[in-house]
Amino acid sequence: MLHFELVTPERLVRSEDVYMVTVPGTEGDFGVLEGHAPLMSTIRDGVLLVHKTAGATPEAITIRGGFAEVNASGLTVLAEQAV
């Protein structure tokens, strides 16, 4: 499982283990699974899709701007705002 955290300036919105997250990067959407290569990207206003298990309907979270970082610990999204 991929450890996923979504953080805004106000609070920690999510911290959970999921199957996959699709991130709205400024250069295009990208999916992150467990074991993804290290990556840092800016993100655009859009929809973050959280897949809790393989094949499940993803949960959509609207975000505004920020950064995404993938490292050995998982995926951290630092968003300006999350709804």
Protein backbone atom coordinates (compact mmCIF):
# COMPACT_ATOMS: atom_id res chain seq x y z
CA MET A 1 0.00 0.00 0.00
CA LEU A 2 1.00 3.61 -0.65
CA HIS A 3 1.10 5.97 2.33
CA PHE A 4 -0.72 9.18 1.30
CA GLU A 5 -0.90 12.51 3.10
CA LEU A 6 -2.82 15.59 2.03
CA VAL A 7 -1.86 18.76 3.90
CA THR A 8 -3.10 22.36 3.66
CA PRO A 9 -1.73 25.38 5.54
CA GLU A 10 -4.59 24.96 8.03
CA ARG A 11 -4.43 21.23 8.77
CA LEU A 12 -3.62 17.65 7.92
CA VAL A 13 -6.58 16.65 5.72
CA ARG A 14 -5.69 12.98 5.13
CA SER A 15 -3.13 10.46 6.29
CA GLU A 16 -3.89 6.92 5.14
CA ASP A 17 -2.67 3.92 3.19
CA VAL A 18 -4.25 3.66 -0.27
CA TYR A 19 -3.76 1.71 -3.49
CA MET A 20 -3.15 4.67 -5.84
CA VAL A 21 -3.53 8.45 -6.13
CA THR A 22 -3.92 10.41 -9.37
CA VAL A 23 -2.47 13.92 -9.02
CA PRO A 24 -3.24 16.95 -11.26
CA GLY A 25 0.34 17.98 -12.06
CA THR A 26 1.07 21.22 -13.92
CA GLU A 27 2.56 19.16 -16.77
CA GLY A 28 -0.34 16.69 -16.74
CA ASP A 29 -2.01 14.19 -14.44
CA PHE A 30 0.14 11.41 -13.00
CA GLY A 31 -0.66 8.31 -10.99
CA VAL A 32 1.34 7.21 -7.96
CA LEU A 33 1.47 3.61 -6.75
CA GLU A 34 3.56 2.02 -4.00
CA GLY A 35 7.22 1.89 -5.04
CA HIS A 36 6.99 4.91 -7.38
CA ALA A 37 10.31 6.58 -8.23
CA PRO A 38 11.10 9.71 -6.19
CA LEU A 39 9.47 12.78 -7.74
CA MET A 40 8.63 16.37 -6.94
CA SER A 41 6.05 18.31 -8.96
CA THR A 42 3.99 21.44 -8.80
CA ILE A 43 0.26 20.83 -9.00
CA ARG A 44 -2.51 22.79 -10.67
CA ASP A 45 -6.05 23.44 -9.51
CA GLY A 46 -7.95 20.23 -10.15
CA VAL A 47 -9.18 16.95 -8.77
CA LEU A 48 -7.08 14.49 -6.79
CA LEU A 49 -8.38 10.93 -7.24
CA VAL A 50 -7.81 8.57 -4.31
CA HIS A 51 -8.14 4.86 -5.12
CA LYS A 52 -8.45 3.02 -1.79
CA THR A 53 -8.20 -0.41 -3.45
CA ALA A 54 -7.49 -1.72 -6.96
CA GLY A 55 -10.57 -1.45 -9.15
CA ALA A 56 -12.59 0.57 -6.63
CA THR A 57 -14.34 3.80 -7.59
CA PRO A 58 -11.95 6.62 -6.65
CA GLU A 59 -12.80 9.37 -4.19
CA ALA A 60 -12.43 12.85 -5.70
CA ILE A 61 -10.93 15.72 -3.69
CA THR A 62 -10.82 19.18 -5.26
CA ILE A 63 -7.51 20.95 -4.61
CA ARG A 64 -5.99 24.30 -5.45
CA GLY A 65 -2.29 24.61 -6.31
CA GLY A 66 0.70 23.43 -4.36
CA PHE A 67 3.30 20.67 -4.56
CA ALA A 68 3.44 16.88 -4.60
CA GLU A 69 6.40 14.86 -3.34
CA VAL A 70 6.94 11.14 -3.77
CA ASN A 71 9.69 9.52 -1.71
CA ALA A 72 10.39 6.25 0.09
CA SER A 73 7.78 7.19 2.73
CA GLY A 74 4.98 7.62 0.16
CA LEU A 75 3.14 10.57 -1.41
CA THR A 76 2.68 13.94 0.28
CA VAL A 77 0.51 16.60 -1.37
CA LEU A 78 0.91 20.12 0.01
CA ALA A 79 -2.11 21.96 -1.37
CA GLU A 80 -3.08 25.60 -0.93
CA GLN A 81 -6.68 24.44 -0.39
CA ALA A 82 -8.60 21.15 -0.35
CA VAL A 83 -12.38 20.73 -0.49
